[in-house]
Amino acid sequence: MTNKHCLNCETKLTGKYCSNCGQKADTHRISFKHFILHDVMHGTFHIEKGILFTAKQALLRPGKASLEYIAGKRIRYYNIFYLILITIGIMLFFRHIDEIFNIQQEEIIPEKVYLNEASKKMDEIFTTKSKYLLLMFVPFTALNSFILFRRKKLNLSEHFILSGMILLGILLIGTFANIYFPLNNFLNIDGTIASLVITAIMIFYVCYGYSNAFYSDYSKLGITYRIILFFAMLLFELLILFLFIYGHVTNWKFGEISIAPFG
């Protein structure tokens, strides 16, 4: 059934879609067949396709994909920041999957022993607020790239998109790592070596992400020293953040604490 006016906002229709709200001009009653084939199947696979495409782009060409998104090519992409939250959830699930199995096997998990109350608060922040700490990567790195990579003439908000895409790639790598670590119980590979390798991959990925976005605007030397400055600024910002958290948990007395954010 084709309508002369949009059934959603009453705007006069001149094409297949409403020019005001975007709803289809051709609407009809919802039948069981339409519900299953369109609303459920099409909706599910459309979302999944967008998620997989965005994840692939984040891993393989984060810089170029971000520039395409900023330039307006957005129909194929899933919302980057929604996908970041989904990925954080998946990553944390796999990070704690061994604890789930221990509970199912009725194994006794020893209670954590803390040096003092400040250490306990620090551990709680790293545990319960981890997703917020991860998201702090976006404003820090967006500000850094905005300062260092000016020739592309991106505004700060557009640098947020680039930082979000790179954070998504880091989280996907972290998710793969957290899938691997439970398997390491069977592979018996040194966990410290595996952690160092994964950390190195993440650092290399960040370098690749920014060079992928800006290599055409700078020489190799120009890209290299900007990326070095980028990491120096990021480390300084993380130090300031850590000192703020440290001061908060010790009531600004900066007493002794023990830290084990990764277990």
Protein backbone atom coordinates (compact mmCIF):
# COMPACT_ATOMS: atom_id res chain seq x y z
CA MET A 1 0.00 0.00 0.00
CA THR A 2 1.53 3.30 -1.12
CA ASN A 3 0.40 6.37 0.82
CA LYS A 4 0.29 10.00 -0.27
CA HIS A 5 1.35 11.18 3.17
CA CYS A 6 3.83 9.66 5.60
CA LEU A 7 2.01 7.62 8.23
CA ASN A 8 4.65 8.60 10.79
CA CYS A 9 4.78 12.42 10.47
CA GLU A 10 2.12 13.29 7.85
CA THR A 11 4.66 14.88 5.48
CA LYS A 12 3.65 14.73 1.78
CA LEU A 13 5.48 11.91 0.04
CA THR A 14 7.45 12.48 -3.17
CA GLY A 15 9.55 9.31 -3.31
CA LYS A 16 10.09 5.91 -1.74
CA TYR A 17 11.03 7.47 1.59
CA CYS A 18 9.70 10.37 3.64
CA SER A 19 11.91 13.43 3.19
CA ASN A 20 11.23 14.49 6.80
CA CYS A 21 11.65 11.35 8.95
CA GLY A 22 12.99 8.73 6.52
CA GLN A 23 10.20 6.18 6.91
CA LYS A 24 9.31 4.07 3.86
CA ALA A 25 6.39 5.30 1.79
CA ASP A 26 5.19 1.75 1.15
CA THR A 27 3.85 0.41 4.43
CA HIS A 28 1.43 -2.43 5.07
CA ARG A 29 -0.08 -4.44 7.87
CA ILE A 30 2.32 -6.72 9.69
CA SER A 31 1.67 -10.35 8.86
CA PHE A 32 3.38 -13.34 10.46
CA LYS A 33 5.46 -13.86 7.29
CA HIS A 34 6.52 -10.20 7.21
CA PHE A 35 7.34 -10.27 10.94
CA ILE A 36 9.59 -13.33 10.62
CA LEU A 37 11.27 -12.57 7.29
CA HIS A 38 11.66 -8.81 7.61
CA ASP A 39 11.46 -7.62 11.19
CA VAL A 40 13.34 -10.55 12.74
CA MET A 41 15.59 -12.07 10.04
CA HIS A 42 16.40 -8.95 8.03
CA GLY A 43 16.85 -6.80 11.12
CA THR A 44 19.13 -9.33 12.81
CA PHE A 45 21.36 -10.01 9.80
CA HIS A 46 21.51 -6.31 8.85
CA ILE A 47 22.81 -5.43 12.33
CA GLU A 48 25.22 -8.38 12.29
CA LYS A 49 26.54 -7.37 8.86
CA GLY A 50 27.14 -3.83 10.05
CA ILE A 51 28.91 -5.05 13.18
CA LEU A 52 31.18 -7.44 11.28
CA PHE A 53 32.02 -4.84 8.63
CA THR A 54 32.85 -2.21 11.23
CA ALA A 55 34.97 -4.67 13.25
CA LYS A 56 36.86 -5.72 10.12
CA GLN A 57 37.54 -2.11 9.13
CA ALA A 58 38.68 -1.25 12.66
CA LEU A 59 41.23 -4.07 12.59
CA LEU A 60 42.52 -3.74 9.03
CA ARG A 61 42.31 -0.04 8.14
CA PRO A 62 41.25 2.00 11.18
CA GLY A 63 42.63 5.31 9.94
CA LYS A 64 41.18 5.16 6.42
CA ALA A 65 37.86 3.77 7.69
CA SER A 66 37.58 6.65 10.18
CA LEU A 67 38.26 9.22 7.45
CA GLU A 68 35.61 7.59 5.24
CA TYR A 69 33.12 7.69 8.11
CA ILE A 70 33.95 11.33 8.82
CA ALA A 71 33.57 12.15 5.10
CA GLY A 72 30.00 10.78 5.18
CA LYS A 73 30.25 7.11 4.12
CA ARG A 74 28.29 5.80 7.12
CA ILE A 75 25.50 3.54 5.87
CA ARG A 76 27.63 0.35 6.10
CA TYR A 77 29.04 1.12 9.54
CA TYR A 78 27.55 0.15 12.88
CA ASN A 79 27.70 2.90 15.52
CA ILE A 80 31.33 2.84 16.66
CA PHE A 81 30.67 3.71 20.30
CA TYR A 82 27.79 1.23 20.64
CA LEU A 83 30.12 -1.43 19.27
CA ILE A 84 32.82 -0.38 21.75
CA LEU A 85 30.42 -1.02 24.64
CA ILE A 86 29.38 -4.38 23.17
CA THR A 87 33.03 -5.37 22.74
CA ILE A 88 33.90 -4.33 26.30
CA GLY A 89 31.10 -6.59 27.55
CA ILE A 90 32.33 -9.54 25.47
CA MET A 91 35.93 -8.95 26.50
CA LEU A 92 35.08 -8.83 30.21
CA PHE A 93 33.00 -12.00 29.85
CA PHE A 94 35.94 -13.91 28.40
CA ARG A 95 38.29 -12.35 30.93
CA HIS A 96 36.23 -13.84 33.79
CA ILE A 97 35.11 -17.04 32.08
CA ASP A 98 37.56 -19.11 34.13
CA GLU A 99 35.92 -17.79 37.30
CA ILE A 100 32.55 -18.87 35.94
CA PHE A 101 33.88 -22.36 35.30
CA ASN A 102 35.40 -22.47 38.78
CA ILE A 103 32.03 -21.64 40.29
CA GLN A 104 30.34 -24.30 38.21
CA GLN A 105 32.93 -26.83 39.35
CA GLU A 106 32.34 -25.75 42.97
CA GLU A 107 35.99 -24.87 43.44
CA ILE A 108 36.81 -22.61 46.34
CA ILE A 109 38.13 -19.26 45.13
CA PRO A 110 40.38 -17.71 47.80
CA GLU A 111 39.27 -14.34 49.06
CA LYS A 112 41.51 -11.47 48.06
CA VAL A 113 43.77 -10.09 50.76
CA TYR A 114 44.55 -6.38 50.58
CA LEU A 115 47.40 -4.42 52.09
CA ASN A 116 44.98 -1.76 53.36
CA GLU A 117 41.62 -0.13 52.64
CA ALA A 118 43.12 2.13 49.97
CA SER A 119 44.39 -0.93 48.08
CA LYS A 120 40.90 -2.44 48.24
CA LYS A 121 39.37 0.75 46.84
CA MET A 122 41.95 0.84 44.06
CA ASP A 123 41.16 -2.76 43.13
CA GLU A 124 37.43 -1.99 43.10
CA ILE A 125 38.00 0.96 40.75
CA PHE A 126 40.01 -1.15 38.31
CA THR A 127 37.40 -3.92 38.54
CA THR A 128 34.03 -2.15 38.62
CA LYS A 129 34.98 1.00 36.69
CA SER A 130 37.19 -0.66 34.10
CA LYS A 131 34.94 0.23 31.16
CA TYR A 132 35.04 3.92 32.12
CA LEU A 133 38.82 3.79 32.41
CA LEU A 134 39.01 2.20 28.96
CA LEU A 135 36.77 4.91 27.51
CA MET A 136 39.16 7.57 28.84
CA PHE A 137 41.42 6.50 25.95
CA VAL A 138 39.12 8.37 23.56
CA PRO A 139 39.30 11.95 24.92
CA PHE A 140 43.02 11.65 25.72
CA THR A 141 44.05 10.35 22.31
CA ALA A 142 41.58 12.59 20.45
CA LEU A 143 43.12 15.67 22.07
CA ASN A 144 46.63 14.42 21.32
CA SER A 145 45.95 13.70 17.66
CA PHE A 146 44.08 17.01 17.32
CA ILE A 147 47.22 18.81 18.54
CA LEU A 148 49.76 16.75 16.57
CA PHE A 149 48.00 16.00 13.26
CA ARG A 150 46.70 19.35 12.04
CA ARG A 151 47.16 19.12 8.27
CA LYS A 152 44.03 17.01 7.72
CA LYS A 153 42.05 19.92 9.26
CA LEU A 154 39.80 17.62 11.32
CA ASN A 155 37.97 19.16 14.23
CA LEU A 156 38.16 17.72 17.76
CA SER A 157 34.89 15.79 17.39
CA GLU A 158 36.21 14.12 14.23
CA HIS A 159 39.35 13.12 16.10
CA PHE A 160 37.01 11.50 18.64
CA ILE A 161 35.71 9.27 15.83
CA LEU A 162 39.25 8.29 14.87
CA SER A 163 40.15 7.57 18.51
CA GLY A 164 36.95 5.56 18.91
CA MET A 165 37.77 3.42 15.87
CA ILE A 166 41.28 2.75 17.18
CA LEU A 167 39.95 1.94 20.66
CA LEU A 168 37.53 -0.51 19.04
CA GLY A 169 40.47 -2.24 17.33
CA ILE A 170 42.37 -2.41 20.63
CA LEU A 171 39.35 -3.93 22.37
CA LEU A 172 38.92 -6.50 19.61
CA ILE A 173 42.56 -7.51 20.02
CA GLY A 174 41.98 -7.65 23.78
CA THR A 175 38.91 -9.82 23.25
CA PHE A 176 40.90 -12.28 21.15
CA ALA A 177 43.54 -12.29 23.89
CA ASN A 178 40.97 -13.02 26.59
CA ILE A 179 39.63 -15.89 24.49
CA TYR A 180 43.19 -17.20 24.22
CA PHE A 181 44.16 -17.05 27.90
CA PRO A 182 41.63 -19.68 29.11
CA LEU A 183 42.93 -21.95 26.33
CA ASN A 184 46.44 -21.41 27.67
CA ASN A 185 45.56 -23.78 30.50
CA PHE A 186 45.85 -26.50 27.86
CA LEU A 187 48.63 -24.95 25.73
CA ASN A 188 50.94 -24.21 28.69
CA ILE A 189 52.56 -21.17 27.05
CA ASP A 190 54.22 -18.72 29.42
CA GLY A 191 51.54 -16.15 30.32
CA THR A 192 54.03 -13.33 30.81
CA ILE A 193 55.46 -13.76 27.33
CA ALA A 194 51.94 -13.92 25.84
CA SER A 195 50.97 -10.71 27.68
CA LEU A 196 54.07 -8.89 26.42
CA VAL A 197 53.39 -10.03 22.85
CA ILE A 198 49.76 -8.85 23.02
CA THR A 199 50.83 -5.50 24.52
CA ALA A 200 53.36 -5.06 21.72
CA ILE A 201 50.68 -5.87 19.14
CA MET A 202 48.38 -3.23 20.66
CA ILE A 203 51.11 -0.58 20.62
CA PHE A 204 51.98 -1.43 17.02
CA TYR A 205 48.27 -1.29 16.13
CA VAL A 206 47.92 2.24 17.54
CA CYS A 207 50.97 3.34 15.53
CA TYR A 208 49.49 1.72 12.44
CA GLY A 209 46.08 3.33 13.02
CA TYR A 210 47.40 6.88 13.08
CA SER A 211 49.89 6.36 10.26
CA ASN A 212 47.05 4.78 8.24
CA ALA A 213 45.04 7.98 8.70
CA PHE A 214 47.77 10.59 8.17
CA TYR A 215 50.63 9.04 6.19
CA SER A 216 49.70 11.02 3.05
CA ASP A 217 50.02 14.32 4.94
CA TYR A 218 53.48 13.86 6.46
CA SER A 219 56.86 12.38 5.65
CA LYS A 220 57.98 9.17 7.36
CA LEU A 221 60.04 11.25 9.78
CA GLY A 222 57.11 13.57 10.42
CA ILE A 223 54.77 10.66 11.19
CA THR A 224 57.39 8.93 13.37
CA TYR A 225 58.17 11.82 15.69
CA ARG A 226 54.49 12.76 15.99
CA ILE A 227 53.61 9.21 17.05
CA ILE A 228 56.44 9.27 19.60
CA LEU A 229 55.12 12.58 20.97
CA PHE A 230 51.61 11.08 20.91
CA PHE A 231 52.66 8.22 23.23
CA ALA A 232 54.65 10.59 25.47
CA MET A 233 51.59 12.81 25.90
CA LEU A 234 49.38 9.76 26.51
CA LEU A 235 51.70 8.41 29.21
CA PHE A 236 51.71 11.82 30.89
CA GLU A 237 47.91 11.96 30.83
CA LEU A 238 47.62 8.43 32.21
CA LEU A 239 50.06 9.38 34.98
CA ILE A 240 47.89 12.37 35.91
CA LEU A 241 44.79 10.12 35.89
CA PHE A 242 46.54 7.53 38.07
CA LEU A 243 47.71 10.19 40.54
CA PHE A 244 44.15 11.51 40.76
CA ILE A 245 42.78 8.02 41.50
CA TYR A 246 45.68 7.36 43.89
CA GLY A 247 44.96 10.56 45.79
CA HIS A 248 41.23 9.78 45.90
CA VAL A 249 41.61 6.28 47.40
CA THR A 250 44.18 7.46 50.01
CA ASN A 251 42.18 10.59 50.94
CA TRP A 252 45.01 12.63 49.35
CA LYS A 253 47.59 11.32 51.84
CA PHE A 254 49.34 9.26 49.12
CA GLY A 255 50.11 6.40 51.49
CA GLU A 256 51.32 2.92 50.61
CA ILE A 257 49.06 0.76 48.39
CA SER A 258 49.34 -2.49 46.46
CA ILE A 259 48.14 -2.63 42.86
CA ALA A 260 47.21 -5.68 40.79
CA PRO A 261 44.78 -4.38 38.15
CA PHE A 262 45.12 -7.44 35.90
CA GLY A 263 44.54 -10.10 38.55
